[in-house]
Every structure is written in C-alpha cells, then in structure tokens.
Protein backbone atom coordinates (compact mmCIF):
# COMPACT_ATOMS: atom_id res chain seq x y z
CA VAL A 1 59.32 105.45 79.91
CA GLY A 2 57.98 102.76 77.60
CA GLY A 3 59.58 99.97 79.60
CA VAL A 4 63.10 101.30 79.13
CA THR A 5 64.89 102.14 82.35
CA GLN A 6 67.48 104.87 82.33
CA SER A 7 70.90 103.91 83.62
CA LEU A 8 71.97 105.53 86.85
CA PHE A 9 75.41 106.41 85.48
CA PHE A 10 74.72 107.19 81.81
CA THR A 11 72.48 110.23 81.80
CA PRO A 12 72.35 113.11 79.31
CA PHE A 13 74.42 115.14 81.76
CA SER A 14 77.13 112.48 82.08
CA ALA A 15 77.11 112.00 78.29
CA THR A 16 77.69 115.74 77.89
CA LEU A 17 80.56 115.68 80.38
CA LEU A 18 82.08 112.69 78.57
CA ALA A 19 81.80 114.47 75.22
CA ILE A 20 83.49 117.56 76.67
CA ARG A 21 86.31 115.44 78.13
CA ILE A 22 86.89 113.60 74.85
CA GLY A 23 86.73 116.87 72.93
CA THR A 24 89.33 118.37 75.24
CA LEU A 25 91.51 115.31 74.78
CA ILE A 26 91.27 115.55 70.99
CA GLY A 27 91.82 119.30 71.05
CA THR A 28 95.00 119.12 73.11
CA ARG A 29 96.63 116.11 71.43
CA ARG A 30 98.79 118.31 69.20
CA ALA A 31 100.26 120.05 72.26
CA TYR A 32 102.22 116.90 73.11
CA GLU A 33 105.05 115.41 71.08
CA ARG A 34 103.94 111.87 71.71
CA GLY A 35 100.28 111.22 72.18
CA GLY A 36 100.88 107.68 73.33
CA LEU A 37 98.64 105.22 75.08
CA GLY A 38 99.04 107.01 78.40
CA TYR A 39 97.67 110.20 76.88
CA TRP A 40 94.58 108.49 75.51
CA LEU A 41 93.97 106.60 78.76
CA SER A 42 94.33 109.75 80.88
CA PRO A 43 90.54 110.19 81.30
CA PHE A 44 90.63 107.13 83.56
CA ALA A 45 92.81 109.16 85.92
CA ASP A 46 89.81 111.48 86.32
CA LEU A 47 87.84 108.58 87.75
CA LEU A 48 90.64 107.66 90.14
CA ALA A 49 90.96 111.29 91.30
CA TRP A 50 87.19 111.40 91.89
CA ILE A 51 87.40 108.24 93.99
CA VAL A 52 90.23 109.72 96.10
CA VAL A 53 88.29 112.96 96.68
CA VAL A 54 85.10 111.12 97.67
CA ARG A 55 87.03 108.80 99.98
CA GLY A 56 88.75 111.78 101.63
CA THR A 57 85.41 113.51 102.08
CA MET A 58 83.64 110.49 103.50
CA PHE A 59 86.53 109.33 105.70
CA PRO A 60 88.78 112.31 106.48
CA SER A 61 92.26 111.67 107.80
CA ARG A 62 92.61 112.47 111.48
CA GLN A 63 96.39 112.43 111.43
CA TRP A 64 98.89 114.88 109.95
CA ARG A 65 102.66 114.96 110.46
CA GLY A 66 102.42 112.46 113.26
CA ARG A 67 99.77 114.41 115.15
CA THR A 68 96.33 112.98 115.79
CA TYR A 69 93.33 115.33 115.68
C-alpha cells in the first residue's frame, strides 16, 4: 500500500516467530555453561532442519535398509 511492497519472507507473522525464537534463545542462555558462538548461531540450524523436512516431503526416499519401495 502506498507504493511499498511487502516482502514475501518478512511478514508480521515471521517477525513474531523470529522474536519468539530470539526470546527463547536469550531466556535459555543461562542454562548452558558456555554460551559460545555455536549457541548464538543455533537459530540457523532451524532453517537447515526446515530445508531437510521440506526436501523429504517433496522428494521422499524410496529406499530403506537396502530395500526399494
């Protein structure tokens, strides 16, 4: 509206989810002895897990323990 296009990825819903994820990260930081770089970069693992789930849904594996289905 008003010539401003809304981004496909950054919506109020995604901003809320991001705020919840960062809040959870901040809230749990004292539960770990060392809140190193890996701890603070852990939200990127969420994205990788999402990609793996979507890939598995779109292209399911037809093989398990050497058997083809």
